[in-house]
């Protein structure tokens, strides 16, 4: 499997991997003094199943904890679940895209869009 650093353009059927923060659940009543800090980080691999404007629907293929700052057990995304992410958010996690077996077909699809 060959991976390539992803640019700003994603297509349906792309398989991407990125790293994202795991945030504490929102309690509703936010404290004014402190900003919440991430509890850790997870590495996620998923396939883009649809694109709706700036939002991507991604089916999680694999997810694992790579950093845990709170010491207790963290729950990564479950494989098979579909998550919705903004493309800009995904780009913050240093995404990589798995190369297609026929990259010229992907390039043709990219030019059509």
C-alpha atoms as a PDB file:
ATOM      1  CA  UNK A   1       0.000   0.000   0.000  1.00  0.00           C
ATOM      2  CA  UNK A   2       1.456   3.290  -1.111  1.00  0.00           C
ATOM      3  CA  UNK A   3       0.359   6.523   0.564  1.00  0.00           C
ATOM      4  CA  UNK A   4       0.677  10.098  -0.642  1.00  0.00           C
ATOM      5  CA  UNK A   5       0.401  13.344   1.306  1.00  0.00           C
ATOM      6  CA  UNK A   6      -3.081  14.631   0.518  1.00  0.00           C
ATOM      7  CA  UNK A   7      -3.738  18.019  -1.002  1.00  0.00           C
ATOM      8  CA  UNK A   8      -6.915  19.967  -0.486  1.00  0.00           C
ATOM      9  CA  UNK A   9      -9.040  17.860  -2.862  1.00  0.00           C
ATOM     10  CA  UNK A  10     -10.779  14.644  -1.807  1.00  0.00           C
ATOM     11  CA  UNK A  11     -12.857  12.363  -4.013  1.00  0.00           C
ATOM     12  CA  UNK A  12     -15.442   9.722  -3.181  1.00  0.00           C
ATOM     13  CA  UNK A  13     -13.809   6.305  -2.719  1.00  0.00           C
ATOM     14  CA  UNK A  14     -10.514   7.810  -1.523  1.00  0.00           C
ATOM     15  CA  UNK A  15      -9.016   5.988   1.453  1.00  0.00           C
ATOM     16  CA  UNK A  16      -7.400   8.491   3.809  1.00  0.00           C
ATOM     17  CA  UNK A  17      -5.625   8.366   7.145  1.00  0.00           C
ATOM     18  CA  UNK A  18      -5.171  11.245   9.548  1.00  0.00           C
ATOM     19  CA  UNK A  19      -4.624  12.069  13.220  1.00  0.00           C
ATOM     20  CA  UNK A  20      -7.220  13.913  15.291  1.00  0.00           C
ATOM     21  CA  UNK A  21      -7.670  15.033  18.868  1.00  0.00           C
ATOM     22  CA  UNK A  22     -10.064  13.299  21.257  1.00  0.00           C
ATOM     23  CA  UNK A  23     -11.975  15.978  23.155  1.00  0.00           C
ATOM     24  CA  UNK A  24     -13.823  15.608  26.466  1.00  0.00           C
ATOM     25  CA  UNK A  25     -17.595  15.402  26.176  1.00  0.00           C
ATOM     26  CA  UNK A  26     -19.341  18.762  26.284  1.00  0.00           C
ATOM     27  CA  UNK A  27     -20.984  19.395  29.632  1.00  0.00           C
ATOM     28  CA  UNK A  28     -23.130  22.228  28.334  1.00  0.00           C
ATOM     29  CA  UNK A  29     -22.070  24.615  31.116  1.00  0.00           C
ATOM     30  CA  UNK A  30     -18.653  25.756  29.974  1.00  0.00           C
ATOM     31  CA  UNK A  31     -16.239  27.283  32.424  1.00  0.00           C
ATOM     32  CA  UNK A  32     -15.068  30.727  31.488  1.00  0.00           C
ATOM     33  CA  UNK A  33     -11.611  30.405  32.952  1.00  0.00           C
ATOM     34  CA  UNK A  34     -10.347  27.295  31.215  1.00  0.00           C
ATOM     35  CA  UNK A  35     -10.499  26.051  27.684  1.00  0.00           C
ATOM     36  CA  UNK A  36     -10.951  22.314  27.444  1.00  0.00           C
ATOM     37  CA  UNK A  37      -7.837  20.373  26.547  1.00  0.00           C
ATOM     38  CA  UNK A  38      -7.813  17.289  24.363  1.00  0.00           C
ATOM     39  CA  UNK A  39      -7.696  13.985  26.213  1.00  0.00           C
ATOM     40  CA  UNK A  40      -5.485  12.400  23.583  1.00  0.00           C
ATOM     41  CA  UNK A  41      -5.088  11.672  19.889  1.00  0.00           C
ATOM     42  CA  UNK A  42      -6.230   8.922  17.592  1.00  0.00           C
ATOM     43  CA  UNK A  43      -5.029   7.785  14.180  1.00  0.00           C
ATOM     44  CA  UNK A  44      -7.993   7.134  11.885  1.00  0.00           C
ATOM     45  CA  UNK A  45      -8.148   5.372   8.522  1.00  0.00           C
ATOM     46  CA  UNK A  46     -11.360   5.655   6.560  1.00  0.00           C
ATOM     47  CA  UNK A  47     -12.967   5.660   3.134  1.00  0.00           C
ATOM     48  CA  UNK A  48     -14.826   8.695   1.858  1.00  0.00           C
ATOM     49  CA  UNK A  49     -18.325   7.553   0.952  1.00  0.00           C
ATOM     50  CA  UNK A  50     -19.899  10.896   0.052  1.00  0.00           C
ATOM     51  CA  UNK A  51     -19.080  14.573  -0.304  1.00  0.00           C
ATOM     52  CA  UNK A  52     -21.675  17.215   0.536  1.00  0.00           C
ATOM     53  CA  UNK A  53     -20.206  20.674  -0.048  1.00  0.00           C
ATOM     54  CA  UNK A  54     -17.462  21.182   2.542  1.00  0.00           C
ATOM     55  CA  UNK A  55     -18.439  18.052   4.481  1.00  0.00           C
ATOM     56  CA  UNK A  56     -17.187  14.511   3.970  1.00  0.00           C
ATOM     57  CA  UNK A  57     -18.873  11.335   5.148  1.00  0.00           C
ATOM     58  CA  UNK A  58     -16.174   8.850   6.043  1.00  0.00           C
ATOM     59  CA  UNK A  59     -16.609   5.171   6.878  1.00  0.00           C
ATOM     60  CA  UNK A  60     -14.076   4.300   9.572  1.00  0.00           C
ATOM     61  CA  UNK A  61     -11.907   1.325   8.604  1.00  0.00           C
ATOM     62  CA  UNK A  62      -9.423   1.500  11.481  1.00  0.00           C
ATOM     63  CA  UNK A  63      -8.856   3.703  14.501  1.00  0.00           C
ATOM     64  CA  UNK A  64      -6.311   3.505  17.291  1.00  0.00           C
ATOM     65  CA  UNK A  65      -5.205   5.658  20.203  1.00  0.00           C
ATOM     66  CA  UNK A  66      -1.752   7.148  19.632  1.00  0.00           C
ATOM     67  CA  UNK A  67      -1.621   9.515  22.616  1.00  0.00           C
ATOM     68  CA  UNK A  68      -3.411   9.470  25.966  1.00  0.00           C
ATOM     69  CA  UNK A  69      -2.919  12.468  28.266  1.00  0.00           C
ATOM     70  CA  UNK A  70      -5.513  11.615  30.932  1.00  0.00           C
ATOM     71  CA  UNK A  71      -4.359   8.116  31.810  1.00  0.00           C
ATOM     72  CA  UNK A  72      -7.761   6.430  31.705  1.00  0.00           C
ATOM     73  CA  UNK A  73      -9.108   4.396  28.807  1.00  0.00           C
ATOM     74  CA  UNK A  74     -10.147   6.356  25.712  1.00  0.00           C
ATOM     75  CA  UNK A  75     -12.562   5.110  23.088  1.00  0.00           C
ATOM     76  CA  UNK A  76     -11.494   5.543  19.461  1.00  0.00           C
ATOM     77  CA  UNK A  77     -14.008   5.532  16.595  1.00  0.00           C
ATOM     78  CA  UNK A  78     -15.482   2.077  15.991  1.00  0.00           C
ATOM     79  CA  UNK A  79     -14.680   0.471  12.625  1.00  0.00           C
ATOM     80  CA  UNK A  80     -17.719   0.499  10.371  1.00  0.00           C
ATOM     81  CA  UNK A  81     -19.207   3.704  11.764  1.00  0.00           C
ATOM     82  CA  UNK A  82     -19.793   6.661   9.472  1.00  0.00           C
ATOM     83  CA  UNK A  83     -18.542  10.029  10.690  1.00  0.00           C
ATOM     84  CA  UNK A  84     -19.073  13.455   9.173  1.00  0.00           C
ATOM     85  CA  UNK A  85     -16.053  15.739   8.986  1.00  0.00           C
ATOM     86  CA  UNK A  86     -15.388  19.092   7.425  1.00  0.00           C
ATOM     87  CA  UNK A  87     -12.658  18.820   4.796  1.00  0.00           C
ATOM     88  CA  UNK A  88     -10.658  21.634   6.454  1.00  0.00           C
ATOM     89  CA  UNK A  89     -10.722  19.743   9.761  1.00  0.00           C
ATOM     90  CA  UNK A  90      -9.363  16.651   8.070  1.00  0.00           C
ATOM     91  CA  UNK A  91      -6.562  18.703   6.475  1.00  0.00           C
ATOM     92  CA  UNK A  92      -5.415  19.834   9.943  1.00  0.00           C
ATOM     93  CA  UNK A  93      -4.588  16.218  10.815  1.00  0.00           C
ATOM     94  CA  UNK A  94      -1.918  15.792   8.124  1.00  0.00           C
ATOM     95  CA  UNK A  95      -3.955  13.438   5.932  1.00  0.00           C
ATOM     96  CA  UNK A  96      -2.443  10.890   3.604  1.00  0.00           C
ATOM     97  CA  UNK A  97      -4.300   9.286   0.728  1.00  0.00           C
ATOM     98  CA  UNK A  98      -3.851   5.714  -0.417  1.00  0.00           C
ATOM     99  CA  UNK A  99      -2.844   5.689  -4.060  1.00  0.00           C
ATOM    100  CA  UNK A 100      -5.355   4.177  -6.458  1.00  0.00           C
ATOM    101  CA  UNK A 101      -4.193   1.235  -8.559  1.00  0.00           C
ATOM    102  CA  UNK A 102      -4.943   3.433 -11.567  1.00  0.00           C
ATOM    103  CA  UNK A 103      -4.092   7.011 -10.615  1.00  0.00           C
ATOM    104  CA  UNK A 104      -4.837   8.258 -14.130  1.00  0.00           C
ATOM    105  CA  UNK A 105      -8.525   7.351 -13.618  1.00  0.00           C
ATOM    106  CA  UNK A 106      -8.567   9.334 -10.368  1.00  0.00           C
ATOM    107  CA  UNK A 107      -6.904  12.293 -12.082  1.00  0.00           C
ATOM    108  CA  UNK A 108      -9.583  12.218 -14.798  1.00  0.00           C
ATOM    109  CA  UNK A 109     -12.320  12.201 -12.148  1.00  0.00           C
ATOM    110  CA  UNK A 110     -10.605  15.068 -10.340  1.00  0.00           C
ATOM    111  CA  UNK A 111     -10.521  17.154 -13.548  1.00  0.00           C
ATOM    112  CA  UNK A 112     -14.245  16.586 -14.135  1.00  0.00           C
ATOM    113  CA  UNK A 113     -15.075  18.203 -10.805  1.00  0.00           C
END
